[in-house]
């Protein structure tokens, strides 16, 4: 099994002991992205900006892996307030087109750096 570490300056640098993504064969496993701006490593203000930044960051990592958001097969979304679930759907529709990836949405007590939303996922690259 060959692992390829995926990294890009267009998404926030890892703030812990993990990689932005790892590719094994034609599968890419995306680490969770929060609303950090990759330029200044500061959290975007407000839920709308954080949701956009999460999907923008995910897109940057997916593209660094040689894929696009249409290749995402599974997303996991974590929210500190599930009343923002509708906003996630609205913003997600600006980044993804049908058929959409499988997805889970989970309410959590807290996220790193006080984030309001986080998402990770799995990409399958067609060979």
N, C-alpha and C. Protein backbone atom coordinates (compact mmCIF):
# COMPACT_ATOMS: atom_id res chain seq x y z
N UNK A 1 0.85 -1.18 0.00
CA UNK A 1 0.00 0.00 0.00
C UNK A 1 0.89 1.24 0.00
N UNK A 2 0.75 2.05 -1.03
CA UNK A 2 1.47 3.31 -1.11
C UNK A 2 0.56 4.44 -0.68
N UNK A 3 1.05 5.26 0.25
CA UNK A 3 0.31 6.42 0.70
C UNK A 3 0.97 7.66 0.13
N UNK A 4 0.14 8.57 -0.36
CA UNK A 4 0.63 9.86 -0.83
C UNK A 4 0.00 10.93 0.04
N UNK A 5 0.83 11.76 0.64
CA UNK A 5 0.33 12.85 1.47
C UNK A 5 -0.01 14.03 0.55
N UNK A 6 -1.21 14.56 0.71
CA UNK A 6 -1.68 15.69 -0.07
C UNK A 6 -1.56 16.95 0.78
N UNK A 7 -0.98 17.99 0.20
CA UNK A 7 -0.80 19.24 0.93
C UNK A 7 -0.87 20.41 -0.04
N UNK A 8 -1.47 21.49 0.41
CA UNK A 8 -1.56 22.70 -0.40
C UNK A 8 -1.54 23.93 0.50
N UNK A 9 -0.94 24.99 0.02
CA UNK A 9 -0.94 26.26 0.75
C UNK A 9 -2.28 26.98 0.60
N UNK A 10 -3.14 26.47 -0.29
CA UNK A 10 -4.45 27.09 -0.53
C UNK A 10 -5.50 26.68 0.49
N UNK A 11 -5.10 25.82 1.44
CA UNK A 11 -5.95 25.45 2.57
C UNK A 11 -5.10 25.62 3.83
N UNK A 12 -5.73 25.76 4.98
CA UNK A 12 -4.95 25.97 6.20
C UNK A 12 -3.97 24.84 6.46
N UNK A 13 -2.80 25.20 6.93
CA UNK A 13 -1.82 24.20 7.33
C UNK A 13 -2.38 23.40 8.50
N UNK A 14 -1.98 22.16 8.61
CA UNK A 14 -2.44 21.33 9.72
C UNK A 14 -2.07 21.99 11.05
N UNK A 15 -3.01 21.97 11.99
CA UNK A 15 -2.75 22.56 13.31
C UNK A 15 -2.58 21.46 14.36
N UNK A 16 -2.21 20.30 13.90
CA UNK A 16 -2.02 19.16 14.80
C UNK A 16 -1.26 18.06 14.08
N UNK A 17 -1.36 16.89 14.60
CA UNK A 17 -0.63 15.74 14.07
C UNK A 17 -1.46 15.01 13.02
N UNK A 18 -1.66 15.67 11.88
CA UNK A 18 -2.41 15.09 10.78
C UNK A 18 -1.98 15.74 9.47
N UNK A 19 -2.38 15.13 8.37
CA UNK A 19 -2.15 15.68 7.04
C UNK A 19 -3.46 16.25 6.53
N UNK A 20 -3.38 17.18 5.57
CA UNK A 20 -4.60 17.72 4.98
C UNK A 20 -5.41 16.62 4.31
N UNK A 21 -4.72 15.68 3.68
CA UNK A 21 -5.37 14.54 3.06
C UNK A 21 -4.33 13.46 2.80
N UNK A 22 -4.83 12.24 2.63
CA UNK A 22 -3.96 11.11 2.30
C UNK A 22 -4.62 10.35 1.16
N UNK A 23 -3.82 10.08 0.12
CA UNK A 23 -4.32 9.30 -1.01
C UNK A 23 -3.75 7.90 -0.94
N UNK A 24 -4.64 6.93 -1.08
CA UNK A 24 -4.26 5.53 -1.17
C UNK A 24 -4.99 4.96 -2.37
N UNK A 25 -4.25 4.58 -3.40
CA UNK A 25 -4.88 4.13 -4.64
C UNK A 25 -5.68 5.28 -5.24
N UNK A 26 -6.95 5.01 -5.54
CA UNK A 26 -7.77 6.07 -6.12
C UNK A 26 -8.69 6.73 -5.08
N UNK A 27 -8.44 6.45 -3.80
CA UNK A 27 -9.22 7.06 -2.73
C UNK A 27 -8.39 8.14 -2.03
N UNK A 28 -9.04 9.27 -1.75
CA UNK A 28 -8.40 10.36 -1.01
C UNK A 28 -9.24 10.61 0.23
N UNK A 29 -8.60 10.56 1.38
CA UNK A 29 -9.26 10.77 2.66
C UNK A 29 -8.93 12.18 3.14
N UNK A 30 -9.96 13.02 3.21
CA UNK A 30 -9.80 14.43 3.55
C UNK A 30 -9.92 14.63 5.05
N UNK A 31 -8.95 15.30 5.64
CA UNK A 31 -9.06 15.68 7.04
C UNK A 31 -10.11 16.77 7.18
N UNK A 32 -10.60 16.94 8.38
CA UNK A 32 -11.60 17.96 8.64
C UNK A 32 -11.06 19.35 8.37
N UNK A 33 -11.90 20.16 7.76
CA UNK A 33 -11.59 21.56 7.51
C UNK A 33 -12.56 22.41 8.31
N UNK A 34 -12.02 23.41 8.98
CA UNK A 34 -12.84 24.39 9.69
C UNK A 34 -12.71 25.72 8.96
N UNK A 35 -13.32 26.74 9.47
CA UNK A 35 -13.38 28.03 8.78
C UNK A 35 -12.14 28.89 8.90
N UNK A 36 -10.96 28.27 8.92
CA UNK A 36 -9.73 29.04 8.98
C UNK A 36 -9.35 29.57 7.61
N UNK A 37 -8.97 30.83 7.57
CA UNK A 37 -8.45 31.43 6.35
C UNK A 37 -7.01 30.96 6.20
N UNK A 38 -6.65 30.35 5.06
CA UNK A 38 -5.29 29.82 4.91
C UNK A 38 -4.20 30.89 4.85
N UNK A 39 -4.57 32.12 4.56
CA UNK A 39 -3.57 33.19 4.45
C UNK A 39 -3.10 33.65 5.82
N UNK A 40 -4.06 33.91 6.72
CA UNK A 40 -3.68 34.44 8.03
C UNK A 40 -3.95 33.47 9.19
N UNK A 41 -4.50 32.27 8.86
CA UNK A 41 -4.81 31.24 9.85
C UNK A 41 -5.75 31.75 10.95
N UNK A 42 -6.62 32.70 10.58
CA UNK A 42 -7.62 33.19 11.51
C UNK A 42 -8.99 32.69 11.09
N UNK A 43 -9.87 32.51 12.09
CA UNK A 43 -11.21 32.01 11.84
C UNK A 43 -12.04 33.09 11.16
N UNK A 44 -12.79 32.69 10.14
CA UNK A 44 -13.73 33.61 9.51
C UNK A 44 -14.81 33.96 10.52
N UNK A 45 -15.37 35.15 10.39
CA UNK A 45 -16.38 35.63 11.34
C UNK A 45 -17.78 35.21 10.89
N UNK A 46 -18.50 34.52 11.75
CA UNK A 46 -19.89 34.18 11.49
C UNK A 46 -20.06 32.86 10.77
N UNK A 47 -21.23 32.30 10.93
CA UNK A 47 -21.51 30.96 10.39
C UNK A 47 -21.48 30.93 8.87
N UNK A 48 -22.04 31.93 8.20
CA UNK A 48 -22.07 31.92 6.73
C UNK A 48 -20.65 31.92 6.16
N UNK A 49 -19.81 32.79 6.66
CA UNK A 49 -18.43 32.86 6.17
C UNK A 49 -17.66 31.59 6.50
N UNK A 50 -17.93 31.00 7.67
CA UNK A 50 -17.23 29.77 8.02
C UNK A 50 -17.66 28.61 7.13
N UNK A 51 -18.93 28.52 6.82
CA UNK A 51 -19.39 27.43 5.94
C UNK A 51 -18.73 27.58 4.57
N UNK A 52 -18.74 28.78 4.02
CA UNK A 52 -18.08 29.00 2.72
C UNK A 52 -16.60 28.64 2.80
N UNK A 53 -15.94 29.05 3.85
CA UNK A 53 -14.51 28.77 3.97
C UNK A 53 -14.25 27.27 4.10
N UNK A 54 -15.09 26.55 4.82
CA UNK A 54 -14.94 25.10 4.94
C UNK A 54 -14.97 24.45 3.56
N UNK A 55 -15.96 24.80 2.75
CA UNK A 55 -16.06 24.18 1.42
C UNK A 55 -14.96 24.67 0.49
N UNK A 56 -14.55 25.91 0.63
CA UNK A 56 -13.44 26.43 -0.15
C UNK A 56 -12.14 25.70 0.20
N UNK A 57 -11.92 25.49 1.49
CA UNK A 57 -10.73 24.77 1.94
C UNK A 57 -10.75 23.32 1.44
N UNK A 58 -11.92 22.68 1.55
CA UNK A 58 -12.03 21.30 1.05
C UNK A 58 -11.73 21.25 -0.45
N UNK A 59 -12.29 22.20 -1.20
CA UNK A 59 -12.05 22.25 -2.64
C UNK A 59 -10.56 22.37 -2.94
N UNK A 60 -9.84 23.20 -2.20
CA UNK A 60 -8.41 23.38 -2.42
C UNK A 60 -7.64 22.08 -2.21
N UNK A 61 -8.00 21.34 -1.17
CA UNK A 61 -7.31 20.07 -0.90
C UNK A 61 -7.67 19.03 -1.96
N UNK A 62 -8.94 18.99 -2.33
CA UNK A 62 -9.38 18.05 -3.37
C UNK A 62 -8.64 18.33 -4.68
N UNK A 63 -8.53 19.60 -5.04
CA UNK A 63 -7.83 19.96 -6.27
C UNK A 63 -6.34 19.65 -6.18
N UNK A 64 -5.75 19.80 -5.00
CA UNK A 64 -4.33 19.44 -4.82
C UNK A 64 -4.12 17.94 -5.01
N UNK A 65 -5.17 17.17 -4.80
CA UNK A 65 -5.10 15.72 -5.01
C UNK A 65 -5.34 15.34 -6.47
N UNK A 66 -5.60 16.33 -7.32
CA UNK A 66 -5.84 16.06 -8.73
C UNK A 66 -7.28 15.70 -9.04
N UNK A 67 -8.19 16.13 -8.21
CA UNK A 67 -9.61 15.82 -8.39
C UNK A 67 -10.41 17.11 -8.34
N UNK A 68 -11.74 16.97 -8.31
CA UNK A 68 -12.62 18.12 -8.14
C UNK A 68 -13.75 17.72 -7.20
N UNK A 69 -14.56 18.68 -6.78
CA UNK A 69 -15.61 18.38 -5.81
C UNK A 69 -16.61 17.37 -6.33
N UNK A 70 -16.73 17.22 -7.63
CA UNK A 70 -17.61 16.21 -8.19
C UNK A 70 -17.13 14.79 -7.91
N UNK A 71 -15.88 14.65 -7.50
CA UNK A 71 -15.31 13.34 -7.17
C UNK A 71 -15.51 12.97 -5.70
N UNK A 72 -16.06 13.89 -4.90
CA UNK A 72 -16.32 13.60 -3.49
C UNK A 72 -17.48 12.62 -3.41
N UNK A 73 -17.29 11.51 -2.69
CA UNK A 73 -18.35 10.51 -2.57
C UNK A 73 -19.00 10.52 -1.19
N UNK A 74 -18.32 11.09 -0.19
CA UNK A 74 -18.86 11.10 1.18
C UNK A 74 -18.38 12.34 1.91
N UNK A 75 -19.29 13.01 2.57
CA UNK A 75 -18.98 14.16 3.43
C UNK A 75 -19.53 13.90 4.82
N UNK A 76 -18.81 14.38 5.80
CA UNK A 76 -19.29 14.42 7.17
C UNK A 76 -19.24 15.88 7.60
N UNK A 77 -20.35 16.39 8.08
CA UNK A 77 -20.44 17.79 8.51
C UNK A 77 -20.73 17.80 10.00
N UNK A 78 -19.96 18.59 10.73
CA UNK A 78 -20.12 18.70 12.18
C UNK A 78 -20.50 20.14 12.50
N UNK A 79 -21.57 20.33 13.25
CA UNK A 79 -22.09 21.65 13.60
C UNK A 79 -22.25 21.79 15.10
N UNK A 80 -21.84 22.93 15.63
CA UNK A 80 -22.06 23.18 17.05
C UNK A 80 -23.50 23.62 17.32
N UNK A 81 -24.23 23.95 16.27
CA UNK A 81 -25.64 24.34 16.40
C UNK A 81 -26.38 23.81 15.17
N UNK A 82 -27.19 22.79 15.37
CA UNK A 82 -27.87 22.16 14.24
C UNK A 82 -28.92 23.06 13.58
N UNK A 83 -29.23 24.20 14.17
CA UNK A 83 -30.14 25.12 13.48
C UNK A 83 -29.49 25.71 12.23
N UNK A 84 -28.16 25.55 12.10
CA UNK A 84 -27.45 26.04 10.91
C UNK A 84 -27.43 25.01 9.77
N UNK A 85 -28.11 23.89 9.97
CA UNK A 85 -28.11 22.83 8.96
C UNK A 85 -28.65 23.34 7.61
N UNK A 86 -29.68 24.15 7.63
CA UNK A 86 -30.24 24.70 6.40
C UNK A 86 -29.23 25.57 5.66
N UNK A 87 -28.45 26.34 6.40
CA UNK A 87 -27.41 27.17 5.78
C UNK A 87 -26.35 26.30 5.12
N UNK A 88 -26.00 25.19 5.76
CA UNK A 88 -25.04 24.27 5.16
C UNK A 88 -25.58 23.78 3.81
N UNK A 89 -26.86 23.42 3.76
CA UNK A 89 -27.46 22.97 2.50
C UNK A 89 -27.40 24.06 1.43
N UNK A 90 -27.73 25.29 1.81
CA UNK A 90 -27.72 26.40 0.85
C UNK A 90 -26.32 26.62 0.29
N UNK A 91 -25.33 26.67 1.16
CA UNK A 91 -23.97 26.93 0.72
C UNK A 91 -23.41 25.73 -0.04
N UNK A 92 -23.69 24.54 0.44
CA UNK A 92 -23.19 23.34 -0.23
C UNK A 92 -23.66 23.29 -1.68
N UNK A 93 -24.87 23.74 -1.94
CA UNK A 93 -25.41 23.74 -3.30
C UNK A 93 -24.64 24.69 -4.22
N UNK A 94 -23.87 25.61 -3.66
CA UNK A 94 -23.04 26.50 -4.46
C UNK A 94 -21.70 25.86 -4.84
N UNK A 95 -21.34 24.79 -4.16
CA UNK A 95 -20.06 24.12 -4.40
C UNK A 95 -20.21 22.75 -5.07
N UNK A 96 -21.36 22.11 -4.88
CA UNK A 96 -21.60 20.76 -5.40
C UNK A 96 -22.81 20.78 -6.32
N UNK A 97 -22.83 19.86 -7.27
CA UNK A 97 -23.99 19.69 -8.14
C UNK A 97 -24.48 18.25 -8.03
N UNK A 98 -25.72 18.04 -8.38
CA UNK A 98 -26.29 16.69 -8.35
C UNK A 98 -25.59 15.81 -9.39
N UNK A 99 -25.40 14.58 -9.12
CA UNK A 99 -25.76 13.88 -7.89
C UNK A 99 -24.80 14.24 -6.76
N UNK A 100 -25.35 14.54 -5.61
CA UNK A 100 -24.55 14.98 -4.47
C UNK A 100 -23.88 13.79 -3.79
N UNK A 101 -22.80 14.06 -3.05
CA UNK A 101 -22.18 12.97 -2.30
C UNK A 101 -23.06 12.51 -1.15
N UNK A 102 -22.81 11.30 -0.67
CA UNK A 102 -23.45 10.88 0.57
C UNK A 102 -22.97 11.82 1.67
N UNK A 103 -23.81 12.01 2.70
CA UNK A 103 -23.43 12.98 3.72
C UNK A 103 -24.06 12.63 5.06
N UNK A 104 -23.33 12.94 6.10
CA UNK A 104 -23.87 12.89 7.46
C UNK A 104 -23.71 14.28 8.06
N UNK A 105 -24.63 14.66 8.92
CA UNK A 105 -24.52 15.93 9.65
C UNK A 105 -24.72 15.60 11.13
N UNK A 106 -23.78 16.06 11.93
CA UNK A 106 -23.76 15.69 13.34
C UNK A 106 -23.65 16.95 14.20
N UNK A 107 -24.44 17.02 15.24
CA UNK A 107 -24.32 18.10 16.21
C UNK A 107 -23.26 17.74 17.24
N UNK A 108 -22.36 18.67 17.50
CA UNK A 108 -21.27 18.43 18.45
C UNK A 108 -21.22 19.56 19.47
N UNK A 109 -20.60 19.29 20.61
CA UNK A 109 -20.51 20.29 21.67
C UNK A 109 -19.52 21.39 21.34
N UNK A 110 -18.42 21.04 20.68
CA UNK A 110 -17.38 22.03 20.38
C UNK A 110 -16.51 21.52 19.25
N UNK A 111 -15.84 22.47 18.59
CA UNK A 111 -14.90 22.16 17.51
C UNK A 111 -13.60 22.91 17.76
N UNK A 112 -12.50 22.50 17.13
CA UNK A 112 -11.22 23.18 17.33
C UNK A 112 -11.31 24.67 17.03
N UNK A 113 -10.57 25.44 17.79
CA UNK A 113 -10.45 26.89 17.63
C UNK A 113 -11.78 27.63 17.71
N UNK A 114 -12.77 27.02 18.32
CA UNK A 114 -14.07 27.66 18.45
C UNK A 114 -14.87 27.69 17.16
N UNK A 115 -14.51 26.85 16.21
CA UNK A 115 -15.22 26.80 14.93
C UNK A 115 -16.68 26.44 15.15
N UNK A 116 -17.53 26.90 14.24
CA UNK A 116 -18.96 26.59 14.29
C UNK A 116 -19.32 25.41 13.40
N UNK A 117 -18.44 25.09 12.43
CA UNK A 117 -18.70 24.03 11.47
C UNK A 117 -17.37 23.41 11.04
N UNK A 118 -17.42 22.13 10.75
CA UNK A 118 -16.26 21.40 10.22
C UNK A 118 -16.78 20.35 9.26
N UNK A 119 -16.00 20.02 8.24
CA UNK A 119 -16.38 18.97 7.31
C UNK A 119 -15.14 18.20 6.89
N UNK A 120 -15.31 16.90 6.72
CA UNK A 120 -14.28 16.05 6.14
C UNK A 120 -14.94 15.18 5.08
N UNK A 121 -14.17 14.36 4.40
CA UNK A 121 -14.80 13.54 3.38
C UNK A 121 -13.86 12.56 2.73
N UNK A 122 -14.42 11.87 1.75
CA UNK A 122 -13.70 10.87 0.97
C UNK A 122 -13.92 11.18 -0.51
N UNK A 123 -12.84 11.12 -1.26
CA UNK A 123 -12.87 11.36 -2.69
C UNK A 123 -12.46 10.06 -3.40
N UNK A 124 -13.12 9.75 -4.49
CA UNK A 124 -12.67 8.64 -5.34
C UNK A 124 -12.33 9.23 -6.70
N UNK A 125 -11.08 9.04 -7.10
CA UNK A 125 -10.60 9.56 -8.37
C UNK A 125 -10.72 8.46 -9.41
N UNK A 126 -11.42 8.76 -10.48
CA UNK A 126 -11.57 7.79 -11.55
C UNK A 126 -10.25 7.66 -12.29
N UNK A 127 -9.78 6.44 -12.36
CA UNK A 127 -8.49 6.20 -13.02
C UNK A 127 -8.64 6.05 -14.50
